[in-house]
PDB file of all heavy atoms in Angstrom:
ATOM      1  N   PHE A   1      -0.365  -9.550 -27.938  1.00  0.00           N
ATOM      2  CA  PHE A   1      -1.347  -8.408 -27.817  1.00  0.00           C
ATOM      3  C   PHE A   1      -0.842  -7.050 -28.472  1.00  0.00           C
ATOM      4  O   PHE A   1       0.368  -6.850 -28.495  1.00  0.00           O
ATOM      5  CB  PHE A   1      -1.643  -8.004 -26.331  1.00  0.00           C
ATOM      6  CG  PHE A   1      -2.297  -9.082 -25.565  1.00  0.00           C
ATOM      7  CD1 PHE A   1      -1.537 -10.066 -24.891  1.00  0.00           C
ATOM      8  CD2 PHE A   1      -3.758  -9.124 -25.507  1.00  0.00           C
ATOM      9  CE1 PHE A   1      -2.278 -11.113 -24.266  1.00  0.00           C
ATOM     10  CE2 PHE A   1      -4.384 -10.118 -24.774  1.00  0.00           C
ATOM     11  CZ  PHE A   1      -3.681 -11.037 -24.166  1.00  0.00           C
ATOM     12  N   SER A   2      -1.757  -6.372 -29.201  1.00  0.00           N
ATOM     13  CA  SER A   2      -1.447  -5.110 -29.797  1.00  0.00           C
ATOM     14  C   SER A   2      -1.340  -4.178 -28.564  1.00  0.00           C
ATOM     15  O   SER A   2      -2.045  -4.363 -27.463  1.00  0.00           O
ATOM     16  CB  SER A   2      -2.447  -4.689 -30.728  1.00  0.00           C
ATOM     17  OG  SER A   2      -2.631  -5.488 -31.703  1.00  0.00           O
ATOM     18  N   SER A   3      -0.545  -3.156 -28.754  1.00  0.00           N
ATOM     19  CA  SER A   3      -0.393  -2.119 -27.598  1.00  0.00           C
ATOM     20  C   SER A   3      -1.702  -1.351 -27.238  1.00  0.00           C
ATOM     21  O   SER A   3      -2.418  -0.972 -28.166  1.00  0.00           O
ATOM     22  CB  SER A   3       0.646  -1.000 -27.842  1.00  0.00           C
ATOM     23  OG  SER A   3       0.478  -0.616 -29.247  1.00  0.00           O
ATOM     24  N   ASN A   4      -2.040  -1.289 -26.016  1.00  0.00           N
ATOM     25  CA  ASN A   4      -3.298  -0.750 -25.494  1.00  0.00           C
ATOM     26  C   ASN A   4      -2.941   0.448 -24.582  1.00  0.00           C
ATOM     27  O   ASN A   4      -2.955   0.265 -23.367  1.00  0.00           O
ATOM     28  CB  ASN A   4      -4.189  -1.728 -24.839  1.00  0.00           C
ATOM     29  CG  ASN A   4      -5.591  -1.209 -24.437  1.00  0.00           C
ATOM     30  OD1 ASN A   4      -5.799   0.019 -24.471  1.00  0.00           O
ATOM     31  ND2 ASN A   4      -6.547  -2.072 -24.086  1.00  0.00           N
ATOM     32  N   TYR A   5      -2.478   1.599 -25.098  1.00  0.00           N
ATOM     33  CA  TYR A   5      -2.005   2.624 -24.385  1.00  0.00           C
ATOM     34  C   TYR A   5      -3.001   3.230 -23.326  1.00  0.00           C
ATOM     35  O   TYR A   5      -2.583   3.776 -22.366  1.00  0.00           O
ATOM     36  CB  TYR A   5      -1.300   3.647 -25.187  1.00  0.00           C
ATOM     37  CG  TYR A   5      -0.130   3.129 -25.956  1.00  0.00           C
ATOM     38  CD1 TYR A   5      -0.201   3.167 -27.445  1.00  0.00           C
ATOM     39  CD2 TYR A   5       1.017   2.639 -25.376  1.00  0.00           C
ATOM     40  CE1 TYR A   5       0.934   2.623 -28.140  1.00  0.00           C
ATOM     41  CE2 TYR A   5       2.013   2.107 -26.055  1.00  0.00           C
ATOM     42  CZ  TYR A   5       1.993   2.144 -27.551  1.00  0.00           C
ATOM     43  OH  TYR A   5       3.044   1.599 -28.160  1.00  0.00           O
ATOM     44  N   THR A   6      -4.265   3.107 -23.727  1.00  0.00           N
ATOM     45  CA  THR A   6      -5.315   3.785 -22.811  1.00  0.00           C
ATOM     46  C   THR A   6      -5.344   2.887 -21.613  1.00  0.00           C
ATOM     47  O   THR A   6      -5.376   3.451 -20.402  1.00  0.00           O
ATOM     48  CB  THR A   6      -6.621   3.701 -23.580  1.00  0.00           C
ATOM     49  OG1 THR A   6      -6.604   4.400 -24.741  1.00  0.00           O
ATOM     50  CG2 THR A   6      -7.799   4.271 -22.711  1.00  0.00           C
ATOM     51  N   LEU A   7      -5.332   1.546 -21.778  1.00  0.00           N
ATOM     52  CA  LEU A   7      -5.311   0.747 -20.528  1.00  0.00           C
ATOM     53  C   LEU A   7      -4.084   0.914 -19.701  1.00  0.00           C
ATOM     54  O   LEU A   7      -4.098   1.085 -18.448  1.00  0.00           O
ATOM     55  CB  LEU A   7      -5.364  -0.734 -20.974  1.00  0.00           C
ATOM     56  CG  LEU A   7      -5.311  -1.793 -19.763  1.00  0.00           C
ATOM     57  CD1 LEU A   7      -6.341  -1.682 -18.762  1.00  0.00           C
ATOM     58  CD2 LEU A   7      -5.302  -3.077 -20.488  1.00  0.00           C
ATOM     59  N   TYR A   8      -2.836   0.979 -20.300  1.00  0.00           N
ATOM     60  CA  TYR A   8      -1.636   1.107 -19.651  1.00  0.00           C
ATOM     61  C   TYR A   8      -1.457   2.516 -18.883  1.00  0.00           C
ATOM     62  O   TYR A   8      -0.979   2.554 -17.736  1.00  0.00           O
ATOM     63  CB  TYR A   8      -0.390   0.980 -20.611  1.00  0.00           C
ATOM     64  CG  TYR A   8      -0.465  -0.259 -21.526  1.00  0.00           C
ATOM     65  CD1 TYR A   8       0.157  -0.247 -22.815  1.00  0.00           C
ATOM     66  CD2 TYR A   8      -1.230  -1.521 -21.116  1.00  0.00           C
ATOM     67  CE1 TYR A   8       0.155  -1.356 -23.625  1.00  0.00           C
ATOM     68  CE2 TYR A   8      -1.131  -2.529 -21.867  1.00  0.00           C
ATOM     69  CZ  TYR A   8      -0.557  -2.486 -23.241  1.00  0.00           C
ATOM     70  OH  TYR A   8      -0.687  -3.672 -23.972  1.00  0.00           O
ATOM     71  N   ALA A   9      -1.977   3.517 -19.534  1.00  0.00           N
ATOM     72  CA  ALA A   9      -1.877   4.826 -18.862  1.00  0.00           C
ATOM     73  C   ALA A   9      -2.770   4.816 -17.623  1.00  0.00           C
ATOM     74  O   ALA A   9      -2.458   5.388 -16.649  1.00  0.00           O
ATOM     75  CB  ALA A   9      -2.393   5.874 -19.825  1.00  0.00           C
ATOM     76  N   ASP A  10      -3.959   4.199 -17.751  1.00  0.00           N
ATOM     77  CA  ASP A  10      -4.879   4.209 -16.590  1.00  0.00           C
ATOM     78  C   ASP A  10      -4.341   3.332 -15.399  1.00  0.00           C
ATOM     79  O   ASP A  10      -4.432   3.754 -14.313  1.00  0.00           O
ATOM     80  CB  ASP A  10      -6.292   3.800 -17.039  1.00  0.00           C
ATOM     81  CG  ASP A  10      -7.261   3.730 -15.811  1.00  0.00           C
ATOM     82  OD1 ASP A  10      -7.684   5.013 -15.470  1.00  0.00           O
ATOM     83  OD2 ASP A  10      -7.756   2.749 -15.343  1.00  0.00           O
ATOM     84  N   MET A  11      -3.761   2.222 -15.720  1.00  0.00           N
ATOM     85  CA  MET A  11      -3.196   1.392 -14.684  1.00  0.00           C
ATOM     86  C   MET A  11      -1.983   2.075 -14.185  1.00  0.00           C
ATOM     87  O   MET A  11      -1.807   1.922 -12.874  1.00  0.00           O
ATOM     88  CB  MET A  11      -2.884   0.047 -15.315  1.00  0.00           C
ATOM     89  CG  MET A  11      -3.972  -0.861 -15.865  1.00  0.00           C
ATOM     90  SD  MET A  11      -5.099  -1.228 -14.496  1.00  0.00           S
ATOM     91  CE  MET A  11      -4.158  -2.315 -13.483  1.00  0.00           C
ATOM     92  N   SER A  12      -1.253   2.783 -14.934  1.00  0.00           N
ATOM     93  CA  SER A  12      -0.087   3.506 -14.370  1.00  0.00           C
ATOM     94  C   SER A  12      -0.539   4.641 -13.403  1.00  0.00           C
ATOM     95  O   SER A  12       0.054   4.620 -12.276  1.00  0.00           O
ATOM     96  CB  SER A  12       0.703   4.127 -15.508  1.00  0.00           C
ATOM     97  OG  SER A  12       1.687   5.037 -15.082  1.00  0.00           O
ATOM     98  N   ALA A  13      -1.583   5.292 -13.682  1.00  0.00           N
ATOM     99  CA  ALA A  13      -2.066   6.308 -12.794  1.00  0.00           C
ATOM    100  C   ALA A  13      -2.562   5.689 -11.582  1.00  0.00           C
ATOM    101  O   ALA A  13      -2.384   6.272 -10.434  1.00  0.00           O
ATOM    102  CB  ALA A  13      -3.276   6.992 -13.520  1.00  0.00           C
ATOM    103  N   ARG A  14      -3.059   4.462 -11.531  1.00  0.00           N
ATOM    104  CA  ARG A  14      -3.559   3.823 -10.208  1.00  0.00           C
ATOM    105  C   ARG A  14      -2.412   3.472  -9.480  1.00  0.00           C
ATOM    106  O   ARG A  14      -2.393   3.688  -8.223  1.00  0.00           O
ATOM    107  CB  ARG A  14      -4.401   2.625 -10.616  1.00  0.00           C
ATOM    108  CG  ARG A  14      -5.695   2.869 -11.245  1.00  0.00           C
ATOM    109  CD  ARG A  14      -6.346   1.690 -11.953  1.00  0.00           C
ATOM    110  NE  ARG A  14      -7.561   2.124 -12.747  1.00  0.00           N
ATOM    111  CZ  ARG A  14      -8.785   1.738 -12.342  1.00  0.00           C
ATOM    112  NH1 ARG A  14      -8.990   1.053 -11.290  1.00  0.00           N
ATOM    113  NH2 ARG A  14      -9.767   2.079 -13.125  1.00  0.00           N
ATOM    114  N   VAL A  15      -1.348   2.952 -10.038  1.00  0.00           N
ATOM    115  CA  VAL A  15      -0.096   2.592  -9.274  1.00  0.00           C
ATOM    116  C   VAL A  15       0.501   3.876  -8.708  1.00  0.00           C
ATOM    117  O   VAL A  15       0.904   3.931  -7.454  1.00  0.00           O
ATOM    118  CB  VAL A  15       0.857   1.873 -10.251  1.00  0.00           C
ATOM    119  CG1 VAL A  15       2.232   1.718  -9.458  1.00  0.00           C
ATOM    120  CG2 VAL A  15       0.288   0.524 -10.546  1.00  0.00           C
ATOM    121  N   MET A  16       0.635   4.861  -9.465  1.00  0.00           N
ATOM    122  CA  MET A  16       1.270   6.162  -9.084  1.00  0.00           C
ATOM    123  C   MET A  16       0.486   6.885  -7.967  1.00  0.00           C
ATOM    124  O   MET A  16       0.987   7.398  -7.023  1.00  0.00           O
ATOM    125  CB  MET A  16       1.471   7.141 -10.242  1.00  0.00           C
ATOM    126  CG  MET A  16       2.339   6.584 -11.366  1.00  0.00           C
ATOM    127  SD  MET A  16       3.961   5.993 -10.752  1.00  0.00           S
ATOM    128  CE  MET A  16       4.606   4.953 -12.088  1.00  0.00           C
ATOM    129  N   ASN A  17      -0.757   6.776  -8.034  1.00  0.00           N
ATOM    130  CA  ASN A  17      -1.657   7.393  -6.924  1.00  0.00           C
ATOM    131  C   ASN A  17      -1.424   6.640  -5.579  1.00  0.00           C
ATOM    132  O   ASN A  17      -1.411   7.330  -4.543  1.00  0.00           O
ATOM    133  CB  ASN A  17      -3.078   7.319  -7.268  1.00  0.00           C
ATOM    134  CG  ASN A  17      -3.479   8.338  -8.359  1.00  0.00           C
ATOM    135  OD1 ASN A  17      -2.796   9.284  -8.475  1.00  0.00           O
ATOM    136  ND2 ASN A  17      -4.587   8.109  -9.124  1.00  0.00           N
ATOM    137  N   ILE A  18      -1.281   5.392  -5.576  1.00  0.00           N
ATOM    138  CA  ILE A  18      -0.922   4.678  -4.333  1.00  0.00           C
ATOM    139  C   ILE A  18       0.376   5.088  -3.895  1.00  0.00           C
ATOM    140  O   ILE A  18       0.507   5.331  -2.551  1.00  0.00           O
ATOM    141  CB  ILE A  18      -0.927   3.121  -4.586  1.00  0.00           C
ATOM    142  CG1 ILE A  18      -2.337   2.647  -4.971  1.00  0.00           C
ATOM    143  CG2 ILE A  18      -0.531   2.436  -3.292  1.00  0.00           C
ATOM    144  CD1 ILE A  18      -2.346   1.108  -5.470  1.00  0.00           C
ATOM    145  N   ILE A  19       1.339   5.187  -4.673  1.00  0.00           N
ATOM    146  CA  ILE A  19       2.687   5.595  -4.223  1.00  0.00           C
ATOM    147  C   ILE A  19       2.560   6.995  -3.713  1.00  0.00           C
ATOM    148  O   ILE A  19       3.273   7.269  -2.571  1.00  0.00           O
ATOM    149  CB  ILE A  19       3.681   5.621  -5.435  1.00  0.00           C
ATOM    150  CG1 ILE A  19       3.907   4.180  -5.829  1.00  0.00           C
ATOM    151  CG2 ILE A  19       5.041   6.173  -4.963  1.00  0.00           C
ATOM    152  CD1 ILE A  19       4.629   3.917  -7.134  1.00  0.00           C
ATOM    153  N   LYS A  20       1.877   7.943  -4.344  1.00  0.00           N
ATOM    154  CA  LYS A  20       1.808   9.341  -3.860  1.00  0.00           C
ATOM    155  C   LYS A  20       1.140   9.462  -2.515  1.00  0.00           C
ATOM    156  O   LYS A  20       1.423  10.431  -1.784  1.00  0.00           O
ATOM    157  CB  LYS A  20       1.058  10.155  -4.898  1.00  0.00           C
ATOM    158  CG  LYS A  20       1.889  10.487  -6.153  1.00  0.00           C
ATOM    159  CD  LYS A  20       1.040  11.238  -7.175  1.00  0.00           C
ATOM    160  CE  LYS A  20       1.872  11.477  -8.481  1.00  0.00           C
ATOM    161  NZ  LYS A  20       1.072  12.095  -9.451  1.00  0.00           N
ATOM    162  N   ASP A  21       0.238   8.462  -2.260  1.00  0.00           N
ATOM    163  CA  ASP A  21      -0.581   8.529  -0.940  1.00  0.00           C
ATOM    164  C   ASP A  21       0.495   8.177   0.094  1.00  0.00           C
ATOM    165  O   ASP A  21       0.212   8.531   1.388  1.00  0.00           O
ATOM    166  CB  ASP A  21      -1.645   7.536  -0.971  1.00  0.00           C
ATOM    167  CG  ASP A  21      -2.903   7.974  -1.734  1.00  0.00           C
ATOM    168  OD1 ASP A  21      -2.943   9.207  -2.100  1.00  0.00           O
ATOM    169  OD2 ASP A  21      -3.799   7.131  -2.181  1.00  0.00           O
ATOM    170  N   HIS A  22       1.542   7.465  -0.110  1.00  0.00           N
ATOM    171  CA  HIS A  22       2.448   7.095   0.868  1.00  0.00           C
ATOM    172  C   HIS A  22       3.640   7.940   1.053  1.00  0.00           C
ATOM    173  O   HIS A  22       4.288   8.077   2.158  1.00  0.00           O
ATOM    174  CB  HIS A  22       3.048   5.676   0.547  1.00  0.00           C
ATOM    175  CG  HIS A  22       2.083   4.519   0.937  1.00  0.00           C
ATOM    176  ND1 HIS A  22       0.977   4.264   0.281  1.00  0.00           N
ATOM    177  CD2 HIS A  22       2.154   3.545   1.988  1.00  0.00           C
ATOM    178  CE1 HIS A  22       0.382   3.250   0.826  1.00  0.00           C
ATOM    179  NE2 HIS A  22       1.034   2.804   1.781  1.00  0.00           N
ATOM    180  N   PHE A  23       4.000   8.616  -0.049  1.00  0.00           N
ATOM    181  CA  PHE A  23       5.151   9.545   0.071  1.00  0.00           C
ATOM    182  C   PHE A  23       4.976  11.001  -0.559  1.00  0.00           C
ATOM    183  O   PHE A  23       4.422  11.050  -1.652  1.00  0.00           O
ATOM    184  CB  PHE A  23       6.348   8.930  -0.796  1.00  0.00           C
ATOM    185  CG  PHE A  23       6.728   7.518  -0.347  1.00  0.00           C
ATOM    186  CD1 PHE A  23       6.221   6.444  -0.959  1.00  0.00           C
ATOM    187  CD2 PHE A  23       7.473   7.351   0.742  1.00  0.00           C
ATOM    188  CE1 PHE A  23       6.494   5.127  -0.695  1.00  0.00           C
ATOM    189  CE2 PHE A  23       7.818   6.049   1.188  1.00  0.00           C
ATOM    190  CZ  PHE A  23       7.350   4.993   0.450  1.00  0.00           C
ATOM    191  N   ASP A  24       5.286  12.026   0.261  1.00  0.00           N
ATOM    192  CA  ASP A  24       5.100  13.320  -0.257  1.00  0.00           C
ATOM    193  C   ASP A  24       6.046  13.685  -1.310  1.00  0.00           C
ATOM    194  O   ASP A  24       5.604  14.423  -2.305  1.00  0.00           O
ATOM    195  CB  ASP A  24       5.243  14.320   0.947  1.00  0.00           C
ATOM    196  CG  ASP A  24       4.243  14.171   2.114  1.00  0.00           C
ATOM    197  OD1 ASP A  24       3.066  13.747   1.667  1.00  0.00           O
ATOM    198  OD2 ASP A  24       4.547  14.431   3.190  1.00  0.00           O
ATOM    199  N   ASN A  25       7.229  13.267  -1.274  1.00  0.00           N
ATOM    200  CA  ASN A  25       8.231  13.557  -2.230  1.00  0.00           C
ATOM    201  C   ASN A  25       8.378  12.453  -3.308  1.00  0.00           C
ATOM    202  O   ASN A  25       9.110  11.570  -3.208  1.00  0.00           O
ATOM    203  CB  ASN A  25       9.502  13.798  -1.548  1.00  0.00           C
ATOM    204  CG  ASN A  25      10.487  14.714  -2.336  1.00  0.00           C
ATOM    205  OD1 ASN A  25      10.131  15.201  -3.465  1.00  0.00           O
ATOM    206  ND2 ASN A  25      11.745  14.788  -1.880  1.00  0.00           N
ATOM    207  N   THR A  26       7.515  12.554  -4.414  1.00  0.00           N
ATOM    208  CA  THR A  26       7.420  11.549  -5.292  1.00  0.00           C
ATOM    209  C   THR A  26       7.635  12.092  -6.735  1.00  0.00           C
ATOM    210  O   THR A  26       7.126  13.270  -7.149  1.00  0.00           O
ATOM    211  CB  THR A  26       6.120  10.810  -5.280  1.00  0.00           C
ATOM    212  OG1 THR A  26       5.738  10.292  -4.114  1.00  0.00           O
ATOM    213  CG2 THR A  26       5.934   9.792  -6.378  1.00  0.00           C
ATOM    214  N   GLU A  27       8.400  11.441  -7.539  1.00  0.00           N
ATOM    215  CA  GLU A  27       8.662  11.767  -8.882  1.00  0.00           C
ATOM    216  C   GLU A  27       8.281  10.685  -9.835  1.00  0.00           C
ATOM    217  O   GLU A  27       8.809   9.566  -9.732  1.00  0.00           O
ATOM    218  CB  GLU A  27      10.202  12.101  -9.226  1.00  0.00           C
ATOM    219  CG  GLU A  27      10.543  12.418 -10.685  1.00  0.00           C
ATOM    220  CD  GLU A  27      11.975  12.548 -11.004  1.00  0.00           C
ATOM    221  OE1 GLU A  27      12.737  12.735  -9.966  1.00  0.00           O
ATOM    222  OE2 GLU A  27      12.358  12.458 -12.179  1.00  0.00           O
ATOM    223  N   VAL A  28       7.173  10.955 -10.675  1.00  0.00           N
ATOM    224  CA  VAL A  28       6.803   9.998 -11.696  1.00  0.00           C
ATOM    225  C   VAL A  28       7.737  10.096 -12.785  1.00  0.00           C
ATOM    226  O   VAL A  28       7.613  11.013 -13.585  1.00  0.00           O
ATOM    227  CB  VAL A  28       5.307  10.165 -12.221  1.00  0.00           C
ATOM    228  CG1 VAL A  28       5.022   9.210 -13.067  1.00  0.00           C
ATOM    229  CG2 VAL A  28       4.331  10.101 -10.870  1.00  0.00           C
ATOM    230  N   TYR A  29       8.636   9.157 -12.932  1.00  0.00           N
ATOM    231  CA  TYR A  29       9.676   9.222 -13.880  1.00  0.00           C
ATOM    232  C   TYR A  29       9.416   8.764 -15.296  1.00  0.00           C
ATOM    233  O   TYR A  29       9.689   9.355 -16.292  1.00  0.00           O
ATOM    234  CB  TYR A  29      10.952   8.349 -13.426  1.00  0.00           C
ATOM    235  CG  TYR A  29      12.087   8.454 -14.340  1.00  0.00           C
ATOM    236  CD1 TYR A  29      12.871   9.609 -14.534  1.00  0.00           C
ATOM    237  CD2 TYR A  29      12.568   7.326 -15.005  1.00  0.00           C
ATOM    238  CE1 TYR A  29      13.861   9.702 -15.444  1.00  0.00           C
ATOM    239  CE2 TYR A  29      13.566   7.317 -15.938  1.00  0.00           C
ATOM    240  CZ  TYR A  29      14.306   8.514 -16.101  1.00  0.00           C
ATOM    241  OH  TYR A  29      15.382   8.658 -16.991  1.00  0.00           O
ATOM    242  N   SER A  30       8.420   7.758 -15.317  1.00  0.00           N
ATOM    243  CA  SER A  30       7.939   7.328 -16.543  1.00  0.00           C
ATOM    244  C   SER A  30       6.637   6.478 -16.313  1.00  0.00           C
ATOM    245  O   SER A  30       6.102   6.490 -15.164  1.00  0.00           O
ATOM    246  CB  SER A  30       8.938   6.281 -17.319  1.00  0.00           C
ATOM    247  OG  SER A  30       9.022   5.118 -16.542  1.00  0.00           O
ATOM    248  N   ILE A  31       6.025   5.918 -17.375  1.00  0.00           N
ATOM    249  CA  ILE A  31       4.718   5.325 -17.162  1.00  0.00           C
ATOM    250  C   ILE A  31       4.858   4.149 -16.280  1.00  0.00           C
ATOM    251  O   ILE A  31       3.788   3.821 -15.576  1.00  0.00           O
ATOM    252  CB  ILE A  31       4.196   4.796 -18.568  1.00  0.00           C
ATOM    253  CG1 ILE A  31       2.803   4.338 -18.491  1.00  0.00           C
ATOM    254  CG2 ILE A  31       4.989   3.554 -19.098  1.00  0.00           C
ATOM    255  CD1 ILE A  31       1.991   4.116 -19.813  1.00  0.00           C
ATOM    256  N   ASP A  32       6.058   3.585 -15.990  1.00  0.00           N
ATOM    257  CA  ASP A  32       6.035   2.412 -15.077  1.00  0.00           C
ATOM    258  C   ASP A  32       7.159   2.529 -14.011  1.00  0.00           C
ATOM    259  O   ASP A  32       7.530   1.592 -13.299  1.00  0.00           O
ATOM    260  CB  ASP A  32       6.424   1.114 -15.862  1.00  0.00           C
ATOM    261  CG  ASP A  32       7.825   1.138 -16.651  1.00  0.00           C
ATOM    262  OD1 ASP A  32       8.213   2.209 -16.733  1.00  0.00           O
ATOM    263  OD2 ASP A  32       8.106   0.041 -17.086  1.00  0.00           O
ATOM    264  N   GLU A  33       7.634   3.789 -13.706  1.00  0.00           N
ATOM    265  CA  GLU A  33       8.601   4.087 -12.760  1.00  0.00           C
ATOM    266  C   GLU A  33       8.363   5.272 -11.963  1.00  0.00           C
ATOM    267  O   GLU A  33       7.948   6.282 -12.573  1.00  0.00           O
ATOM    268  CB  GLU A  33      10.106   4.222 -13.459  1.00  0.00           C
ATOM    269  CG  GLU A  33      10.592   2.896 -14.128  1.00  0.00           C
ATOM    270  CD  GLU A  33      11.896   3.151 -14.820  1.00  0.00           C
ATOM    271  OE1 GLU A  33      11.872   4.098 -15.741  1.00  0.00           O
ATOM    272  OE2 GLU A  33      12.905   2.554 -14.459  1.00  0.00           O
ATOM    273  N   ALA A  34       8.716   5.192 -10.663  1.00  0.00           N
ATOM    274  CA  ALA A  34       8.615   6.444  -9.783  1.00  0.00           C
ATOM    275  C   ALA A  34       9.715   6.349  -8.786  1.00  0.00           C
ATOM    276  O   ALA A  34       9.977   5.320  -8.182  1.00  0.00           O
ATOM    277  CB  ALA A  34       7.234   6.412  -9.119  1.00  0.00           C
ATOM    278  N   PHE A  35      10.431   7.598  -8.497  1.00  0.00           N
ATOM    279  CA  PHE A  35      11.361   7.779  -7.555  1.00  0.00           C
ATOM    280  C   PHE A  35      10.684   8.356  -6.216  1.00  0.00           C
ATOM    281  O   PHE A  35       9.719   9.317  -6.456  1.00  0.00           O
ATOM    282  CB  PHE A  35      12.440   8.731  -7.892  1.00  0.00           C
ATOM    283  CG  PHE A  35      13.396   8.206  -8.914  1.00  0.00           C
ATOM    284  CD1 PHE A  35      13.299   8.491 -10.275  1.00  0.00           C
ATOM    285  CD2 PHE A  35      14.418   7.222  -8.536  1.00  0.00           C
ATOM    286  CE1 PHE A  35      14.207   8.019 -11.213  1.00  0.00           C
ATOM    287  CE2 PHE A  35      15.294   6.738  -9.440  1.00  0.00           C
ATOM    288  CZ  PHE A  35      15.279   7.093 -10.762  1.00  0.00           C
ATOM    289  N   VAL A  36      11.121   7.931  -5.080  1.00  0.00           N
ATOM    290  CA  VAL A  36      10.582   8.571  -3.929  1.00  0.00           C
ATOM    291  C   VAL A  36      11.688   8.887  -2.947  1.00  0.00           C
ATOM    292  O   VAL A  36      12.632   8.091  -3.014  1.00  0.00           O
ATOM    293  CB  VAL A  36       9.522   7.686  -3.124  1.00  0.00           C
ATOM    294  CG1 VAL A  36       8.257   7.448  -4.023  1.00  0.00           C
ATOM    295  CG2 VAL A  36       9.949   6.352  -2.660  1.00  0.00           C
ATOM    296  N   SER A  37      11.608   9.810  -2.118  1.00  0.00           N
ATOM    297  CA  SER A  37      12.634  10.114  -1.159  1.00  0.00           C
ATOM    298  C   SER A  37      12.110   9.881   0.172  1.00  0.00           C
ATOM    299  O   SER A  37      10.903  10.290   0.517  1.00  0.00           O
ATOM    300  CB  SER A  37      12.950  11.646  -1.295  1.00  0.00           C
ATOM    301  OG  SER A  37      13.912  12.074  -0.291  1.00  0.00           O
ATOM    302  N   ILE A  38      12.841   9.162   1.025  1.00  0.00           N
ATOM    303  CA  ILE A  38      12.392   8.848   2.377  1.00  0.00           C
ATOM    304  C   ILE A  38      13.557   9.025   3.382  1.00  0.00           C
ATOM    305  O   ILE A  38      14.692   8.945   3.022  1.00  0.00           O
ATOM    306  CB  ILE A  38      11.860   7.370   2.494  1.00  0.00           C
ATOM    307  CG1 ILE A  38      12.903   6.398   2.193  1.00  0.00           C
ATOM    308  CG2 ILE A  38      10.614   7.198   1.884  1.00  0.00           C
ATOM    309  CD1 ILE A  38      12.976   5.941   0.656  1.00  0.00           C
ATOM    310  N   ASN A  39      13.135   9.386   4.654  1.00  0.00           N
ATOM    311  CA  ASN A  39      14.154   9.394   5.710  1.00  0.00           C
ATOM    312  C   ASN A  39      13.867   8.233   6.713  1.00  0.00           C
ATOM    313  O   ASN A  39      12.742   7.974   7.099  1.00  0.00           O
ATOM    314  CB  ASN A  39      13.897  10.786   6.493  1.00  0.00           C
ATOM    315  CG  ASN A  39      14.445  11.848   5.724  1.00  0.00           C
ATOM    316  OD1 ASN A  39      15.565  12.013   5.473  1.00  0.00           O
ATOM    317  ND2 ASN A  39      13.486  12.702   5.238  1.00  0.00           N
TER     318      ASN A  39
END
Protein backbone atom coordinates (compact mmCIF):
# COMPACT_ATOMS: atom_id res chain seq x y z
CA PHE A 1 0.00 0.00 0.00
CA SER A 2 1.04 3.56 -0.66
CA SER A 3 1.04 5.72 2.48
CA ASN A 4 -2.41 7.14 3.27
CA TYR A 5 -1.64 9.76 5.91
CA THR A 6 -5.21 11.11 5.93
CA LEU A 7 -6.52 7.71 7.02
CA TYR A 8 -3.71 7.17 9.53
CA ALA A 9 -4.18 10.59 11.15
CA ASP A 10 -7.93 10.04 11.56
CA MET A 11 -7.51 6.55 13.01
CA SER A 12 -4.85 7.91 15.37
CA ALA A 13 -7.25 10.62 16.58
CA ARG A 14 -9.89 7.97 17.32
CA VAL A 15 -7.46 5.89 19.38
CA MET A 16 -6.14 8.94 21.26
CA ASN A 17 -9.67 10.17 22.07
CA ILE A 18 -10.48 6.82 23.72
CA ILE A 19 -7.30 7.07 25.79
CA LYS A 20 -8.05 10.68 26.81
CA ASP A 21 -11.54 9.65 27.92
CA HIS A 22 -9.94 7.25 30.41
CA PHE A 23 -7.02 9.33 31.67
CA ASP A 24 -6.82 13.04 32.52
CA ASN A 25 -3.04 13.15 32.32
CA THR A 26 -2.31 12.06 28.74
CA GLU A 27 0.54 12.95 26.40
CA VAL A 28 0.09 12.16 22.71
CA TYR A 29 3.73 11.43 21.95
CA SER A 30 3.41 10.50 18.27
CA ILE A 31 0.82 9.37 15.72
CA ASP A 32 0.81 5.88 17.26
CA GLU A 33 1.98 6.39 20.86
CA ALA A 34 0.61 8.01 24.02
CA PHE A 35 1.91 8.24 27.58
CA VAL A 36 -0.53 8.30 30.50
CA SER A 37 0.03 8.83 34.22
CA ILE A 38 -1.95 6.76 36.72
CA ASN A 39 -2.07 6.19 40.47
